[in-house]
Structures are given as C-alpha cells and as structure tokens.
Amino acid sequence: MRPFEVVAHKLPSDLGKALFSSKLTSTWEDLTPLARNEWICWVTSGKRAETRAIRIQKAISKMKGGMRRPCCWAGCTHR
C-alpha cells in the first residue's frame, strides 16, 4: 500500500452497522481509501452523540444518492 492510500481511521461500529443495514457495504468498499477516511473523520468529528447520529444518517442518505465524499467540509486533518 502506498502512503497516500493509508486510512488514518478505523470504521466505527455505529457507522459500520448503518452501512450494513442500509445495504451500502459494497458502495463503501468501492470508495477510495481517502474517501472512506473522510467519511469516517466527518462522522466522528462531531462533539456530541446527537451530532454523530445525525451525520451517520446524512452520510447514508448522501451515499445512497451517489455522493462519494462529504461535501462542503474542510476535510480530514489526517490527510
């Protein structure tokens, strides 16, 4: 694996469960490692549990709509 393909974040269980129950696991696997990392960072960067839950639902909705990366976000600080 080349350095720029390394994912800094592991898939959190709550996001993983949401992807599985929404039948988006193949969509998730089709994303680049950098895109997966950005989704994870965006979801987990919320300070409150409520914010995180909302972001998971938005991520699911956006991925179902074909989005491959979080939009309108400065990006993961771990790139």
C-alpha atoms as a PDB file:
ATOM      1  CA  MET A   1       0.000   0.000   0.000  1.00  0.00           C
ATOM      2  CA  ARG A   2       1.342   3.410  -0.930  1.00  0.00           C
ATOM      3  CA  PRO A   3       1.467   6.071   1.828  1.00  0.00           C
ATOM      4  CA  PHE A   4      -1.331   8.180   0.351  1.00  0.00           C
ATOM      5  CA  GLU A   5      -3.669   5.162   0.435  1.00  0.00           C
ATOM      6  CA  VAL A   6      -3.353   4.649   4.168  1.00  0.00           C
ATOM      7  CA  VAL A   7      -6.588   5.194   6.070  1.00  0.00           C
ATOM      8  CA  ALA A   8      -5.995   7.019   9.348  1.00  0.00           C
ATOM      9  CA  HIS A   9      -9.296   5.953  10.886  1.00  0.00           C
ATOM     10  CA  LYS A  10     -10.887   2.576  11.537  1.00  0.00           C
ATOM     11  CA  LEU A  11     -14.536   2.177  10.632  1.00  0.00           C
ATOM     12  CA  PRO A  12     -16.543   2.889  13.812  1.00  0.00           C
ATOM     13  CA  SER A  13     -19.060   0.200  14.715  1.00  0.00           C
ATOM     14  CA  ASP A  14     -22.051   2.560  14.597  1.00  0.00           C
ATOM     15  CA  LEU A  15     -21.213   3.715  11.073  1.00  0.00           C
ATOM     16  CA  GLY A  16     -20.460   0.147  10.014  1.00  0.00           C
ATOM     17  CA  LYS A  17     -23.837  -1.051  11.323  1.00  0.00           C
ATOM     18  CA  ALA A  18     -25.614   1.762   9.485  1.00  0.00           C
ATOM     19  CA  LEU A  19     -23.822   0.900   6.236  1.00  0.00           C
ATOM     20  CA  PHE A  20     -24.701  -2.778   6.637  1.00  0.00           C
ATOM     21  CA  SER A  21     -28.349  -2.202   7.491  1.00  0.00           C
ATOM     22  CA  SER A  22     -28.676   0.211   4.569  1.00  0.00           C
ATOM     23  CA  LYS A  23     -27.087  -2.329   2.201  1.00  0.00           C
ATOM     24  CA  LEU A  24     -24.273   0.091   1.380  1.00  0.00           C
ATOM     25  CA  THR A  25     -21.317  -2.146   2.184  1.00  0.00           C
ATOM     26  CA  SER A  26     -20.459  -2.665  -1.493  1.00  0.00           C
ATOM     27  CA  THR A  27     -20.736   1.088  -2.075  1.00  0.00           C
ATOM     28  CA  TRP A  28     -18.403   1.650   0.883  1.00  0.00           C
ATOM     29  CA  GLU A  29     -15.862  -0.848  -0.449  1.00  0.00           C
ATOM     30  CA  ASP A  30     -15.985   0.868  -3.851  1.00  0.00           C
ATOM     31  CA  LEU A  31     -14.849   4.188  -2.325  1.00  0.00           C
ATOM     32  CA  THR A  32     -11.179   5.085  -2.325  1.00  0.00           C
ATOM     33  CA  PRO A  33      -9.357   4.736   0.999  1.00  0.00           C
ATOM     34  CA  LEU A  34      -9.098   8.537   1.180  1.00  0.00           C
ATOM     35  CA  ALA A  35     -12.845   8.965   0.626  1.00  0.00           C
ATOM     36  CA  ARG A  36     -13.653   6.355   3.298  1.00  0.00           C
ATOM     37  CA  ASN A  37     -11.278   8.133   5.662  1.00  0.00           C
ATOM     38  CA  GLU A  38     -13.014  11.465   5.038  1.00  0.00           C
ATOM     39  CA  TRP A  39     -16.469   9.995   5.734  1.00  0.00           C
ATOM     40  CA  ILE A  40     -15.196   8.455   8.974  1.00  0.00           C
ATOM     41  CA  CYS A  41     -13.473  11.670  10.048  1.00  0.00           C
ATOM     42  CA  TRP A  42     -16.552  13.752   9.210  1.00  0.00           C
ATOM     43  CA  VAL A  43     -18.844  11.459  11.215  1.00  0.00           C
ATOM     44  CA  THR A  44     -16.546  11.174  14.219  1.00  0.00           C
ATOM     45  CA  SER A  45     -15.584  14.848  14.357  1.00  0.00           C
ATOM     46  CA  GLY A  46     -18.969  15.732  15.822  1.00  0.00           C
ATOM     47  CA  LYS A  47     -18.586  16.569  19.505  1.00  0.00           C
ATOM     48  CA  ARG A  48     -21.980  15.320  20.710  1.00  0.00           C
ATOM     49  CA  ALA A  49     -23.619  11.905  20.288  1.00  0.00           C
ATOM     50  CA  GLU A  50     -26.626  13.603  18.677  1.00  0.00           C
ATOM     51  CA  THR A  51     -24.415  15.273  16.077  1.00  0.00           C
ATOM     52  CA  ARG A  52     -22.698  11.985  15.287  1.00  0.00           C
ATOM     53  CA  ALA A  53     -26.047  10.180  14.859  1.00  0.00           C
ATOM     54  CA  ILE A  54     -27.284  12.920  12.531  1.00  0.00           C
ATOM     55  CA  ARG A  55     -24.069  12.754  10.499  1.00  0.00           C
ATOM     56  CA  ILE A  56     -24.344   8.980  10.146  1.00  0.00           C
ATOM     57  CA  GLN A  57     -27.868   9.333   8.782  1.00  0.00           C
ATOM     58  CA  LYS A  58     -26.764  12.124   6.432  1.00  0.00           C
ATOM     59  CA  ALA A  59     -23.802  10.042   5.260  1.00  0.00           C
ATOM     60  CA  ILE A  60     -26.103   7.110   4.492  1.00  0.00           C
ATOM     61  CA  SER A  61     -28.507   9.367   2.624  1.00  0.00           C
ATOM     62  CA  LYS A  62     -25.730  11.052   0.656  1.00  0.00           C
ATOM     63  CA  MET A  63     -24.065   7.762  -0.266  1.00  0.00           C
ATOM     64  CA  LYS A  64     -27.419   6.387  -1.425  1.00  0.00           C
ATOM     65  CA  GLY A  65     -27.681   9.500  -3.606  1.00  0.00           C
ATOM     66  CA  GLY A  66     -24.301   8.775  -5.169  1.00  0.00           C
ATOM     67  CA  MET A  67     -22.011  11.092  -3.192  1.00  0.00           C
ATOM     68  CA  ARG A  68     -18.561   9.640  -2.774  1.00  0.00           C
ATOM     69  CA  ARG A  69     -17.161  12.207  -0.320  1.00  0.00           C
ATOM     70  CA  PRO A  70     -18.538  14.579   2.316  1.00  0.00           C
ATOM     71  CA  CYS A  71     -19.447  17.896   0.718  1.00  0.00           C
ATOM     72  CA  CYS A  72     -18.783  21.389   1.984  1.00  0.00           C
ATOM     73  CA  TRP A  73     -16.355  20.276   4.661  1.00  0.00           C
ATOM     74  CA  ALA A  74     -12.773  21.438   5.106  1.00  0.00           C
ATOM     75  CA  GLY A  75     -11.626  17.839   5.100  1.00  0.00           C
ATOM     76  CA  CYS A  76      -9.915  15.426   7.383  1.00  0.00           C
ATOM     77  CA  THR A  77      -6.968  16.848   9.266  1.00  0.00           C
ATOM     78  CA  HIS A  78      -5.231  13.486   8.988  1.00  0.00           C
ATOM     79  CA  ARG A  79      -4.547  13.664   5.227  1.00  0.00           C
END
